[in-house]
Amino acid sequence: ALICFRILQGAAGGALIPMSQAIMIETFPVQERGMAMSIFGIGAM
């Protein structure tokens, strides 16, 4: 059961990081995207 649930969890989690980054890039203006991605990177670390 744990393995089956981890498959579901991995499938749902697979899109979280790229979707989050896409939304961040869409939210910030071009001149602030580097700063936004570095803040995202700090959180990811």
PDB file of all heavy atoms in Angstrom:
ATOM      1  N   ALA A   1       0.835  -1.206   0.000  1.00  0.00           N
ATOM      2  CA  ALA A   1       0.000   0.000   0.000  1.00  0.00           C
ATOM      3  C   ALA A   1       0.865   1.249   0.000  1.00  0.00           C
ATOM      4  O   ALA A   1       0.576   2.206  -0.726  1.00  0.00           O
ATOM      5  CB  ALA A   1      -0.939  -0.003   1.199  1.00  0.00           C
ATOM      6  N   LEU A   2       1.929   1.238   0.800  1.00  0.00           N
ATOM      7  CA  LEU A   2       2.813   2.401   0.867  1.00  0.00           C
ATOM      8  C   LEU A   2       3.439   2.683  -0.497  1.00  0.00           C
ATOM      9  O   LEU A   2       3.492   3.841  -0.933  1.00  0.00           O
ATOM     10  CB  LEU A   2       3.901   2.189   1.921  1.00  0.00           C
ATOM     11  CG  LEU A   2       4.892   3.319   2.125  1.00  0.00           C
ATOM     12  CD1 LEU A   2       4.197   4.623   2.501  1.00  0.00           C
ATOM     13  CD2 LEU A   2       5.913   2.939   3.190  1.00  0.00           C
ATOM     14  N   ILE A   3       3.861   1.663  -1.197  1.00  0.00           N
ATOM     15  CA  ILE A   3       4.453   1.840  -2.523  1.00  0.00           C
ATOM     16  C   ILE A   3       3.417   2.395  -3.503  1.00  0.00           C
ATOM     17  O   ILE A   3       3.710   3.313  -4.274  1.00  0.00           O
ATOM     18  CB  ILE A   3       5.073   0.521  -3.028  1.00  0.00           C
ATOM     19  CG1 ILE A   3       6.307   0.184  -2.196  1.00  0.00           C
ATOM     20  CG2 ILE A   3       5.419   0.605  -4.506  1.00  0.00           C
ATOM     21  CD1 ILE A   3       6.870  -1.202  -2.433  1.00  0.00           C
ATOM     22  N   CYS A   4       2.208   1.876  -3.456  1.00  0.00           N
ATOM     23  CA  CYS A   4       1.145   2.389  -4.338  1.00  0.00           C
ATOM     24  C   CYS A   4       0.838   3.856  -4.047  1.00  0.00           C
ATOM     25  O   CYS A   4       0.689   4.666  -4.970  1.00  0.00           O
ATOM     26  CB  CYS A   4      -0.115   1.555  -4.193  1.00  0.00           C
ATOM     27  SG  CYS A   4       0.043  -0.105  -4.867  1.00  0.00           S
ATOM     28  N   PHE A   5       0.770   4.197  -2.773  1.00  0.00           N
ATOM     29  CA  PHE A   5       0.491   5.584  -2.402  1.00  0.00           C
ATOM     30  C   PHE A   5       1.659   6.503  -2.767  1.00  0.00           C
ATOM     31  O   PHE A   5       1.458   7.658  -3.130  1.00  0.00           O
ATOM     32  CB  PHE A   5       0.167   5.696  -0.914  1.00  0.00           C
ATOM     33  CG  PHE A   5      -1.063   4.929  -0.496  1.00  0.00           C
ATOM     34  CD1 PHE A   5      -1.144   4.365   0.759  1.00  0.00           C
ATOM     35  CD2 PHE A   5      -2.141   4.751  -1.372  1.00  0.00           C
ATOM     36  CE1 PHE A   5      -2.270   3.653   1.145  1.00  0.00           C
ATOM     37  CE2 PHE A   5      -3.265   4.046  -0.995  1.00  0.00           C
ATOM     38  CZ  PHE A   5      -3.334   3.492   0.274  1.00  0.00           C
ATOM     39  N   ARG A   6       2.882   5.977  -2.693  1.00  0.00           N
ATOM     40  CA  ARG A   6       4.043   6.783  -3.093  1.00  0.00           C
ATOM     41  C   ARG A   6       4.041   7.016  -4.609  1.00  0.00           C
ATOM     42  O   ARG A   6       4.512   8.053  -5.067  1.00  0.00           O
ATOM     43  CB  ARG A   6       5.346   6.102  -2.667  1.00  0.00           C
ATOM     44  CG  ARG A   6       5.616   6.136  -1.190  1.00  0.00           C
ATOM     45  CD  ARG A   6       6.094   7.455  -0.703  1.00  0.00           C
ATOM     46  NE  ARG A   6       7.459   7.693  -1.159  1.00  0.00           N
ATOM     47  CZ  ARG A   6       8.151   8.779  -0.895  1.00  0.00           C
ATOM     48  NH1 ARG A   6       7.619   9.738  -0.180  1.00  0.00           N
ATOM     49  NH2 ARG A   6       9.368   8.937  -1.353  1.00  0.00           N
ATOM     50  N   ILE A   7       3.522   6.080  -5.374  1.00  0.00           N
ATOM     51  CA  ILE A   7       3.400   6.293  -6.827  1.00  0.00           C
ATOM     52  C   ILE A   7       2.451   7.457  -7.089  1.00  0.00           C
ATOM     53  O   ILE A   7       2.758   8.351  -7.881  1.00  0.00           O
ATOM     54  CB  ILE A   7       2.919   4.999  -7.530  1.00  0.00           C
ATOM     55  CG1 ILE A   7       4.018   3.947  -7.509  1.00  0.00           C
ATOM     56  CG2 ILE A   7       2.474   5.284  -8.957  1.00  0.00           C
ATOM     57  CD1 ILE A   7       3.578   2.563  -7.960  1.00  0.00           C
ATOM     58  N   LEU A   8       1.315   7.463  -6.411  1.00  0.00           N
ATOM     59  CA  LEU A   8       0.361   8.573  -6.552  1.00  0.00           C
ATOM     60  C   LEU A   8       0.976   9.888  -6.083  1.00  0.00           C
ATOM     61  O   LEU A   8       0.842  10.924  -6.739  1.00  0.00           O
ATOM     62  CB  LEU A   8      -0.913   8.267  -5.762  1.00  0.00           C
ATOM     63  CG  LEU A   8      -1.979   9.356  -5.759  1.00  0.00           C
ATOM     64  CD1 LEU A   8      -2.502   9.615  -7.166  1.00  0.00           C
ATOM     65  CD2 LEU A   8      -3.121   8.965  -4.831  1.00  0.00           C
ATOM     66  N   GLN A   9       1.687   9.830  -4.977  1.00  0.00           N
ATOM     67  CA  GLN A   9       2.318  11.033  -4.430  1.00  0.00           C
ATOM     68  C   GLN A   9       3.388  11.572  -5.385  1.00  0.00           C
ATOM     69  O   GLN A   9       3.472  12.783  -5.613  1.00  0.00           O
ATOM     70  CB  GLN A   9       2.935  10.691  -3.076  1.00  0.00           C
ATOM     71  CG  GLN A   9       3.418  11.865  -2.290  1.00  0.00           C
ATOM     72  CD  GLN A   9       4.014  11.431  -0.970  1.00  0.00           C
ATOM     73  OE1 GLN A   9       4.678  10.399  -0.890  1.00  0.00           O
ATOM     74  NE2 GLN A   9       3.792  12.225   0.056  1.00  0.00           N
ATOM     75  N   GLY A  10       4.183  10.705  -5.954  1.00  0.00           N
ATOM     76  CA  GLY A  10       5.220  11.137  -6.900  1.00  0.00           C
ATOM     77  C   GLY A  10       4.623  11.714  -8.174  1.00  0.00           C
ATOM     78  O   GLY A  10       5.127  12.695  -8.723  1.00  0.00           O
ATOM     79  N   ALA A  11       3.534  11.112  -8.648  1.00  0.00           N
ATOM     80  CA  ALA A  11       2.878  11.626  -9.849  1.00  0.00           C
ATOM     81  C   ALA A  11       2.297  13.010  -9.596  1.00  0.00           C
ATOM     82  O   ALA A  11       2.415  13.908 -10.434  1.00  0.00           O
ATOM     83  CB  ALA A  11       1.779  10.669 -10.305  1.00  0.00           C
ATOM     84  N   ALA A  12       1.689  13.205  -8.444  1.00  0.00           N
ATOM     85  CA  ALA A  12       1.126  14.521  -8.116  1.00  0.00           C
ATOM     86  C   ALA A  12       2.223  15.540  -7.843  1.00  0.00           C
ATOM     87  O   ALA A  12       2.098  16.711  -8.202  1.00  0.00           O
ATOM     88  CB  ALA A  12       0.206  14.407  -6.903  1.00  0.00           C
ATOM     89  N   GLY A  13       3.304  15.102  -7.231  1.00  0.00           N
ATOM     90  CA  GLY A  13       4.395  16.024  -6.899  1.00  0.00           C
ATOM     91  C   GLY A  13       5.288  16.370  -8.070  1.00  0.00           C
ATOM     92  O   GLY A  13       5.990  17.383  -8.041  1.00  0.00           O
ATOM     93  N   GLY A  14       5.264  15.560  -9.118  1.00  0.00           N
ATOM     94  CA  GLY A  14       6.140  15.796 -10.259  1.00  0.00           C
ATOM     95  C   GLY A  14       5.930  17.131 -10.937  1.00  0.00           C
ATOM     96  O   GLY A  14       6.859  17.713 -11.495  1.00  0.00           O
ATOM     97  N   ALA A  15       4.734  17.640 -10.887  1.00  0.00           N
ATOM     98  CA  ALA A  15       4.427  18.894 -11.572  1.00  0.00           C
ATOM     99  C   ALA A  15       4.558  20.116 -10.665  1.00  0.00           C
ATOM    100  O   ALA A  15       4.511  21.243 -11.155  1.00  0.00           O
ATOM    101  CB  ALA A  15       3.013  18.837 -12.129  1.00  0.00           C
ATOM    102  N   LEU A  16       4.728  19.927  -9.376  1.00  0.00           N
ATOM    103  CA  LEU A  16       4.702  21.070  -8.458  1.00  0.00           C
ATOM    104  C   LEU A  16       5.836  22.067  -8.694  1.00  0.00           C
ATOM    105  O   LEU A  16       5.609  23.277  -8.709  1.00  0.00           O
ATOM    106  CB  LEU A  16       4.712  20.586  -6.999  1.00  0.00           C
ATOM    107  CG  LEU A  16       3.452  19.858  -6.552  1.00  0.00           C
ATOM    108  CD1 LEU A  16       3.593  19.386  -5.113  1.00  0.00           C
ATOM    109  CD2 LEU A  16       2.230  20.747  -6.702  1.00  0.00           C
ATOM    110  N   ILE A  17       7.038  21.587  -8.877  1.00  0.00           N
ATOM    111  CA  ILE A  17       8.167  22.515  -9.055  1.00  0.00           C
ATOM    112  C   ILE A  17       8.106  23.232 -10.404  1.00  0.00           C
ATOM    113  O   ILE A  17       8.212  24.462 -10.445  1.00  0.00           O
ATOM    114  CB  ILE A  17       9.508  21.794  -8.829  1.00  0.00           C
ATOM    115  CG1 ILE A  17       9.608  21.407  -7.350  1.00  0.00           C
ATOM    116  CG2 ILE A  17      10.684  22.684  -9.227  1.00  0.00           C
ATOM    117  CD1 ILE A  17      10.817  20.602  -6.994  1.00  0.00           C
ATOM    118  N   PRO A  18       7.925  22.535 -11.533  1.00  0.00           N
ATOM    119  CA  PRO A  18       7.853  23.288 -12.790  1.00  0.00           C
ATOM    120  C   PRO A  18       6.665  24.239 -12.859  1.00  0.00           C
ATOM    121  O   PRO A  18       6.776  25.344 -13.399  1.00  0.00           O
ATOM    122  CB  PRO A  18       7.759  22.214 -13.874  1.00  0.00           C
ATOM    123  CG  PRO A  18       7.612  20.930 -13.203  1.00  0.00           C
ATOM    124  CD  PRO A  18       7.933  21.099 -11.762  1.00  0.00           C
ATOM    125  N   MET A  19       5.533  23.841 -12.281  1.00  0.00           N
ATOM    126  CA  MET A  19       4.376  24.739 -12.268  1.00  0.00           C
ATOM    127  C   MET A  19       4.646  25.964 -11.398  1.00  0.00           C
ATOM    128  O   MET A  19       4.284  27.077 -11.755  1.00  0.00           O
ATOM    129  CB  MET A  19       3.130  24.000 -11.757  1.00  0.00           C
ATOM    130  CG  MET A  19       2.610  22.946 -12.697  1.00  0.00           C
ATOM    131  SD  MET A  19       2.123  23.613 -14.287  1.00  0.00           S
ATOM    132  CE  MET A  19       0.853  24.743 -13.795  1.00  0.00           C
ATOM    133  N   SER A  20       5.276  25.743 -10.258  1.00  0.00           N
ATOM    134  CA  SER A  20       5.603  26.862  -9.374  1.00  0.00           C
ATOM    135  C   SER A  20       6.554  27.837 -10.067  1.00  0.00           C
ATOM    136  O   SER A  20       6.377  29.050  -9.992  1.00  0.00           O
ATOM    137  CB  SER A  20       6.240  26.345  -8.076  1.00  0.00           C
ATOM    138  OG  SER A  20       5.321  25.572  -7.351  1.00  0.00           O
ATOM    139  N   GLN A  21       7.553  27.305 -10.744  1.00  0.00           N
ATOM    140  CA  GLN A  21       8.495  28.172 -11.451  1.00  0.00           C
ATOM    141  C   GLN A  21       7.824  28.918 -12.598  1.00  0.00           C
ATOM    142  O   GLN A  21       8.104  30.102 -12.822  1.00  0.00           O
ATOM    143  CB  GLN A  21       9.678  27.357 -11.960  1.00  0.00           C
ATOM    144  CG  GLN A  21      10.581  26.893 -10.847  1.00  0.00           C
ATOM    145  CD  GLN A  21      11.712  26.028 -11.350  1.00  0.00           C
ATOM    146  OE1 GLN A  21      11.586  25.304 -12.334  1.00  0.00           O
ATOM    147  NE2 GLN A  21      12.840  26.088 -10.652  1.00  0.00           N
ATOM    148  N   ALA A  22       6.938  28.256 -13.316  1.00  0.00           N
ATOM    149  CA  ALA A  22       6.227  28.920 -14.413  1.00  0.00           C
ATOM    150  C   ALA A  22       5.357  30.061 -13.883  1.00  0.00           C
ATOM    151  O   ALA A  22       5.314  31.147 -14.475  1.00  0.00           O
ATOM    152  CB  ALA A  22       5.374  27.913 -15.173  1.00  0.00           C
ATOM    153  N   ILE A  23       4.701  29.836 -12.776  1.00  0.00           N
ATOM    154  CA  ILE A  23       3.864  30.887 -12.186  1.00  0.00           C
ATOM    155  C   ILE A  23       4.724  32.033 -11.683  1.00  0.00           C
ATOM    156  O   ILE A  23       4.363  33.206 -11.843  1.00  0.00           O
ATOM    157  CB  ILE A  23       2.981  30.294 -11.067  1.00  0.00           C
ATOM    158  CG1 ILE A  23       1.910  29.392 -11.689  1.00  0.00           C
ATOM    159  CG2 ILE A  23       2.340  31.393 -10.223  1.00  0.00           C
ATOM    160  CD1 ILE A  23       1.133  28.563 -10.711  1.00  0.00           C
ATOM    161  N   MET A  24       5.873  31.732 -11.110  1.00  0.00           N
ATOM    162  CA  MET A  24       6.785  32.800 -10.649  1.00  0.00           C
ATOM    163  C   MET A  24       7.265  33.643 -11.829  1.00  0.00           C
ATOM    164  O   MET A  24       7.278  34.868 -11.745  1.00  0.00           O
ATOM    165  CB  MET A  24       7.995  32.183  -9.940  1.00  0.00           C
ATOM    166  CG  MET A  24       7.674  31.502  -8.639  1.00  0.00           C
ATOM    167  SD  MET A  24       7.757  32.561  -7.223  1.00  0.00           S
ATOM    168  CE  MET A  24       9.439  33.046  -7.212  1.00  0.00           C
ATOM    169  N   ILE A  25       7.639  32.993 -12.913  1.00  0.00           N
ATOM    170  CA  ILE A  25       8.117  33.735 -14.084  1.00  0.00           C
ATOM    171  C   ILE A  25       7.004  34.592 -14.667  1.00  0.00           C
ATOM    172  O   ILE A  25       7.228  35.714 -15.104  1.00  0.00           O
ATOM    173  CB  ILE A  25       8.705  32.766 -15.135  1.00  0.00           C
ATOM    174  CG1 ILE A  25      10.053  32.260 -14.635  1.00  0.00           C
ATOM    175  CG2 ILE A  25       8.825  33.407 -16.504  1.00  0.00           C
ATOM    176  CD1 ILE A  25      10.700  31.228 -15.512  1.00  0.00           C
ATOM    177  N   GLU A  26       5.793  34.070 -14.648  1.00  0.00           N
ATOM    178  CA  GLU A  26       4.653  34.818 -15.165  1.00  0.00           C
ATOM    179  C   GLU A  26       4.281  35.995 -14.258  1.00  0.00           C
ATOM    180  O   GLU A  26       3.794  37.016 -14.730  1.00  0.00           O
ATOM    181  CB  GLU A  26       3.461  33.861 -15.281  1.00  0.00           C
ATOM    182  CG  GLU A  26       2.271  34.430 -15.987  1.00  0.00           C
ATOM    183  CD  GLU A  26       1.192  33.375 -16.105  1.00  0.00           C
ATOM    184  OE1 GLU A  26       0.431  33.188 -15.152  1.00  0.00           O
ATOM    185  OE2 GLU A  26       1.130  32.736 -17.171  1.00  0.00           O
ATOM    186  N   THR A  27       4.523  35.867 -12.978  1.00  0.00           N
ATOM    187  CA  THR A  27       4.123  36.883 -12.002  1.00  0.00           C
ATOM    188  C   THR A  27       5.061  38.078 -11.977  1.00  0.00           C
ATOM    189  O   THR A  27       4.624  39.221 -11.859  1.00  0.00           O
ATOM    190  CB  THR A  27       4.049  36.258 -10.590  1.00  0.00           C
ATOM    191  OG1 THR A  27       3.108  35.180 -10.619  1.00  0.00           O
ATOM    192  CG2 THR A  27       3.623  37.264  -9.554  1.00  0.00           C
ATOM    193  N   PHE A  28       6.356  37.829 -12.084  1.00  0.00           N
ATOM    194  CA  PHE A  28       7.337  38.908 -11.958  1.00  0.00           C
ATOM    195  C   PHE A  28       7.687  39.504 -13.314  1.00  0.00           C
ATOM    196  O   PHE A  28       7.772  38.779 -14.313  1.00  0.00           O
ATOM    197  CB  PHE A  28       8.614  38.374 -11.291  1.00  0.00           C
ATOM    198  CG  PHE A  28       8.482  38.191  -9.812  1.00  0.00           C
ATOM    199  CD1 PHE A  28       7.944  37.034  -9.282  1.00  0.00           C
ATOM    200  CD2 PHE A  28       8.889  39.196  -8.940  1.00  0.00           C
ATOM    201  CE1 PHE A  28       7.814  36.864  -7.918  1.00  0.00           C
ATOM    202  CE2 PHE A  28       8.763  39.036  -7.582  1.00  0.00           C
ATOM    203  CZ  PHE A  28       8.221  37.871  -7.066  1.00  0.00           C
ATOM    204  N   PRO A  29       7.908  40.812 -13.361  1.00  0.00           N
ATOM    205  CA  PRO A  29       8.367  41.427 -14.616  1.00  0.00           C
ATOM    206  C   PRO A  29       9.772  40.935 -14.964  1.00  0.00           C
ATOM    207  O   PRO A  29      10.495  40.436 -14.104  1.00  0.00           O
ATOM    208  CB  PRO A  29       8.358  42.927 -14.312  1.00  0.00           C
ATOM    209  CG  PRO A  29       8.247  43.071 -12.849  1.00  0.00           C
ATOM    210  CD  PRO A  29       7.721  41.796 -12.303  1.00  0.00           C
ATOM    211  N   VAL A  30      10.140  41.095 -16.212  1.00  0.00           N
ATOM    212  CA  VAL A  30      11.404  40.562 -16.712  1.00  0.00           C
ATOM    213  C   VAL A  30      12.597  41.009 -15.869  1.00  0.00           C
ATOM    214  O   VAL A  30      13.466  40.201 -15.544  1.00  0.00           O
ATOM    215  CB  VAL A  30      11.607  40.982 -18.193  1.00  0.00           C
ATOM    216  CG1 VAL A  30      12.961  40.544 -18.706  1.00  0.00           C
ATOM    217  CG2 VAL A  30      10.502  40.417 -19.058  1.00  0.00           C
ATOM    218  N   GLN A  31      12.631  42.264 -15.469  1.00  0.00           N
ATOM    219  CA  GLN A  31      13.776  42.770 -14.718  1.00  0.00           C
ATOM    220  C   GLN A  31      13.858  42.206 -13.295  1.00  0.00           C
ATOM    221  O   GLN A  31      14.901  42.299 -12.661  1.00  0.00           O
ATOM    222  CB  GLN A  31      13.798  44.304 -14.687  1.00  0.00           C
ATOM    223  CG  GLN A  31      12.631  44.940 -13.965  1.00  0.00           C
ATOM    224  CD  GLN A  31      11.420  45.175 -14.846  1.00  0.00           C
ATOM    225  OE1 GLN A  31      11.279  44.603 -15.922  1.00  0.00           O
ATOM    226  NE2 GLN A  31      10.512  46.023 -14.393  1.00  0.00           N
ATOM    227  N   GLU A  32      12.788  41.590 -12.785  1.00  0.00           N
ATOM    228  CA  GLU A  32      12.790  41.036 -11.429  1.00  0.00           C
ATOM    229  C   GLU A  32      12.802  39.504 -11.403  1.00  0.00           C
ATOM    230  O   GLU A  32      12.802  38.906 -10.330  1.00  0.00           O
ATOM    231  CB  GLU A  32      11.559  41.538 -10.655  1.00  0.00           C
ATOM    232  CG  GLU A  32      11.565  43.020 -10.410  1.00  0.00           C
ATOM    233  CD  GLU A  32      10.311  43.483  -9.668  1.00  0.00           C
ATOM    234  OE1 GLU A  32       9.439  42.635  -9.357  1.00  0.00           O
ATOM    235  OE2 GLU A  32      10.202  44.685  -9.416  1.00  0.00           O
ATOM    236  N   ARG A  33      12.844  38.867 -12.546  1.00  0.00           N
ATOM    237  CA  ARG A  33      12.765  37.404 -12.596  1.00  0.00           C
ATOM    238  C   ARG A  33      13.993  36.734 -11.998  1.00  0.00           C
ATOM    239  O   ARG A  33      13.872  35.685 -11.361  1.00  0.00           O
ATOM    240  CB  ARG A  33      12.554  36.923 -14.026  1.00  0.00           C
ATOM    241  CG  ARG A  33      11.149  37.181 -14.487  1.00  0.00           C
ATOM    242  CD  ARG A  33      10.903  36.666 -15.868  1.00  0.00           C
ATOM    243  NE  ARG A  33       9.564  37.041 -16.280  1.00  0.00           N
ATOM    244  CZ  ARG A  33       9.155  37.057 -17.521  1.00  0.00           C
ATOM    245  NH1 ARG A  33       9.978  36.707 -18.496  1.00  0.00           N
ATOM    246  NH2 ARG A  33       7.923  37.415 -17.796  1.00  0.00           N
ATOM    247  N   GLY A  34      15.159  37.301 -12.191  1.00  0.00           N
ATOM    248  CA  GLY A  34      16.366  36.729 -11.594  1.00  0.00           C
ATOM    249  C   GLY A  34      16.283  36.723 -10.076  1.00  0.00           C
ATOM    250  O   GLY A  34      16.604  35.725  -9.423  1.00  0.00           O
ATOM    251  N   MET A  35      15.819  37.827  -9.520  1.00  0.00           N
ATOM    252  CA  MET A  35      15.653  37.914  -8.078  1.00  0.00           C
ATOM    253  C   MET A  35      14.593  36.911  -7.609  1.00  0.00           C
ATOM    254  O   MET A  35      14.772  36.223  -6.601  1.00  0.00           O
ATOM    255  CB  MET A  35      15.229  39.325  -7.674  1.00  0.00           C
ATOM    256  CG  MET A  35      14.923  39.465  -6.195  1.00  0.00           C
ATOM    257  SD  MET A  35      14.009  40.950  -5.790  1.00  0.00           S
ATOM    258  CE  MET A  35      12.526  40.776  -6.747  1.00  0.00           C
ATOM    259  N   ALA A  36      13.499  36.803  -8.337  1.00  0.00           N
ATOM    260  CA  ALA A  36      12.424  35.887  -7.960  1.00  0.00           C
ATOM    261  C   ALA A  36      12.903  34.436  -7.974  1.00  0.00           C
ATOM    262  O   ALA A  36      12.613  33.668  -7.055  1.00  0.00           O
ATOM    263  CB  ALA A  36      11.230  36.064  -8.901  1.00  0.00           C
ATOM    264  N   MET A  37      13.639  34.063  -8.999  1.00  0.00           N
ATOM    265  CA  MET A  37      14.129  32.692  -9.080  1.00  0.00           C
ATOM    266  C   MET A  37      15.188  32.412  -8.009  1.00  0.00           C
ATOM    267  O   MET A  37      15.269  31.291  -7.502  1.00  0.00           O
ATOM    268  CB  MET A  37      14.711  32.405 -10.469  1.00  0.00           C
ATOM    269  CG  MET A  37      13.659  32.264 -11.540  1.00  0.00           C
ATOM    270  SD  MET A  37      12.597  30.824 -11.273  1.00  0.00           S
ATOM    271  CE  MET A  37      11.057  31.583 -10.874  1.00  0.00           C
ATOM    272  N   SER A  38      15.968  33.416  -7.625  1.00  0.00           N
ATOM    273  CA  SER A  38      16.937  33.198  -6.550  1.00  0.00           C
ATOM    274  C   SER A  38      16.227  33.031  -5.214  1.00  0.00           C
ATOM    275  O   SER A  38      16.632  32.209  -4.390  1.00  0.00           O
ATOM    276  CB  SER A  38      17.962  34.329  -6.487  1.00  0.00           C
ATOM    277  OG  SER A  38      17.340  35.557  -6.177  1.00  0.00           O
ATOM    278  N   ILE A  39      15.156  33.764  -4.993  1.00  0.00           N
ATOM    279  CA  ILE A  39      14.362  33.581  -3.772  1.00  0.00           C
ATOM    280  C   ILE A  39      13.722  32.196  -3.781  1.00  0.00           C
ATOM    281  O   ILE A  39      13.709  31.495  -2.767  1.00  0.00           O
ATOM    282  CB  ILE A  39      13.301  34.693  -3.641  1.00  0.00           C
ATOM    283  CG1 ILE A  39      13.994  36.015  -3.347  1.00  0.00           C
ATOM    284  CG2 ILE A  39      12.279  34.358  -2.558  1.00  0.00           C
ATOM    285  CD1 ILE A  39      13.079  37.218  -3.419  1.00  0.00           C
ATOM    286  N   PHE A  40      13.218  31.773  -4.928  1.00  0.00           N
ATOM    287  CA  PHE A  40      12.657  30.435  -5.062  1.00  0.00           C
ATOM    288  C   PHE A  40      13.741  29.391  -4.778  1.00  0.00           C
ATOM    289  O   PHE A  40      13.484  28.387  -4.108  1.00  0.00           O
ATOM    290  CB  PHE A  40      12.080  30.243  -6.463  1.00  0.00           C
ATOM    291  CG  PHE A  40      11.393  28.934  -6.653  1.00  0.00           C
ATOM    292  CD1 PHE A  40      10.065  28.785  -6.296  1.00  0.00           C
ATOM    293  CD2 PHE A  40      12.065  27.850  -7.187  1.00  0.00           C
ATOM    294  CE1 PHE A  40       9.413  27.573  -6.469  1.00  0.00           C
ATOM    295  CE2 PHE A  40      11.421  26.638  -7.364  1.00  0.00           C
ATOM    296  CZ  PHE A  40      10.096  26.499  -7.003  1.00  0.00           C
ATOM    297  N   GLY A  41      14.935  29.617  -5.278  1.00  0.00           N
ATOM    298  CA  GLY A  41      16.046  28.692  -5.054  1.00  0.00           C
ATOM    299  C   GLY A  41      16.426  28.583  -3.589  1.00  0.00           C
ATOM    300  O   GLY A  41      16.754  27.506  -3.096  1.00  0.00           O
ATOM    301  N   ILE A  42      16.386  29.702  -2.885  1.00  0.00           N
ATOM    302  CA  ILE A  42      16.684  29.677  -1.450  1.00  0.00           C
ATOM    303  C   ILE A  42      15.639  28.831  -0.722  1.00  0.00           C
ATOM    304  O   ILE A  42      15.971  28.014   0.143  1.00  0.00           O
ATOM    305  CB  ILE A  42      16.743  31.111  -0.876  1.00  0.00           C
ATOM    306  CG1 ILE A  42      17.979  31.822  -1.407  1.00  0.00           C
ATOM    307  CG2 ILE A  42      16.746  31.090   0.651  1.00  0.00           C
ATOM    308  CD1 ILE A  42      17.995  33.307  -1.121  1.00  0.00           C
ATOM    309  N   GLY A  43      14.388  29.015  -1.080  1.00  0.00           N
ATOM    310  CA  GLY A  43      13.338  28.197  -0.483  1.00  0.00           C
ATOM    311  C   GLY A  43      13.501  26.728  -0.808  1.00  0.00           C
ATOM    312  O   GLY A  43      13.281  25.857   0.036  1.00  0.00           O
ATOM    313  N   ALA A  44      13.911  26.435  -2.040  1.00  0.00           N
ATOM    314  CA  ALA A  44      14.098  25.048  -2.462  1.00  0.00           C
ATOM    315  C   ALA A  44      15.294  24.397  -1.765  1.00  0.00           C
ATOM    316  O   ALA A  44      15.314  23.188  -1.558  1.00  0.00           O
ATOM    317  CB  ALA A  44      14.269  24.978  -3.976  1.00  0.00           C
ATOM    318  N   MET A  45      16.274  25.203  -1.376  1.00  0.00           N
ATOM    319  CA  MET A  45      17.450  24.655  -0.691  1.00  0.00           C
ATOM    320  C   MET A  45      17.122  24.174   0.715  1.00  0.00           C
ATOM    321  O   MET A  45      17.820  23.324   1.255  1.00  0.00           O
ATOM    322  CB  MET A  45      18.566  25.694  -0.622  1.00  0.00           C
ATOM    323  CG  MET A  45      19.276  25.880  -1.924  1.00  0.00           C
ATOM    324  SD  MET A  45      20.621  27.092  -1.934  1.00  0.00           S
ATOM    325  CE  MET A  45      20.780  27.682  -0.309  1.00  0.00           C
TER     326      MET A  45
END
